[in-house]
């Protein structure tokens, strides 16, 4: 139904307009008595539990950050069968993000290019939304820095988000790998990254119950850079890694160079980045002897793609672009194939 009816209607609009329409409908539905029971019945997913970094996930399929930036519809998304939902990226202050248009479909390649720029309503608004949680959906808090914050003050932004979200999320993801905030990826370099993670881990240890902290990395890192990241994760006691974010590369596309150039800067997601994301997950898993928890994300457009990611070493998977193109059916298809008892 989604691919042949709903998607066709949504794709008549610009990507951001389609997003707003979808969220408007979800918010309306959330206010209708009995809708939660109906949706959970329609989209019932078998329990396919996996315990990772101390959290037992009902199933391994999560929604990646970027869709529910302000934690406005996470309960509804959970009713569609997701085992967990990652909200954000959240920044201390609200910001409008980059100028529009900033989100583009590459339909022939089942891909998206975005340069959203951490548009969100700020951490205080997100806190208000999370306090309204009605379900037991597992929530990840993806945190970042404001565009106007210089890198030498970035740690302060991450700490502010961590402190305010701590009581309301189940795990954290430190986003230093988006290509759409100027200078952000410089935080992936050894010294700033180590300092950032040390500060967050120290802050975490002050709490009665520590929340897992994961690092989200770019698919554009080379193996030497990944080795540095893994060493820092080990030294700081960071709990896991999310691999990967969107890429600035423009390979594996069927569109002309001129067409893609006209779209401009931004991160590419979807089917074209599957191989690179898989390669990185496989590399990390091998380098760490399978001991570092990995959430695999990037190019998962089918159940087979998810199985490939898990076989490469991912403990959990996330979808975003695949959800846009394939709809809720993709969640159920993945769960039908995944069996951690095998």
Foldseek 3Di string as FASTA:
>chain_A
DCQVPVLVVLVVDFVVVSLVVVLVVLLVLVPDPPSLVVLLVVQPAQQFWDAAPRDIFSFQEEADEDSQALLARQSVVVSLPHSAYEYHQAWAAADQFDDPPAWDDQPVQLKIFGLRGRHDHHLVSSLVNLVPDDDPHAYEYEYFYHLPDDLVCGLVGRVSNCVSCVVRHQAYEYEQAFPNRPPSVVCLDQPNVLVSLLVSLVVQVVDPDGHAYEYEHALPDDPVSVVSNVVSCVVNVHQAYEFYDFYQDDPPGPDDPVVVVVSPTGGMFAQVCLVSSLVVLLSVCVVVVLPHAYEGEGHPQALVSVVSSVVSRHSHYYYHSSCSNPNSVRSNRNSVPDHPVD
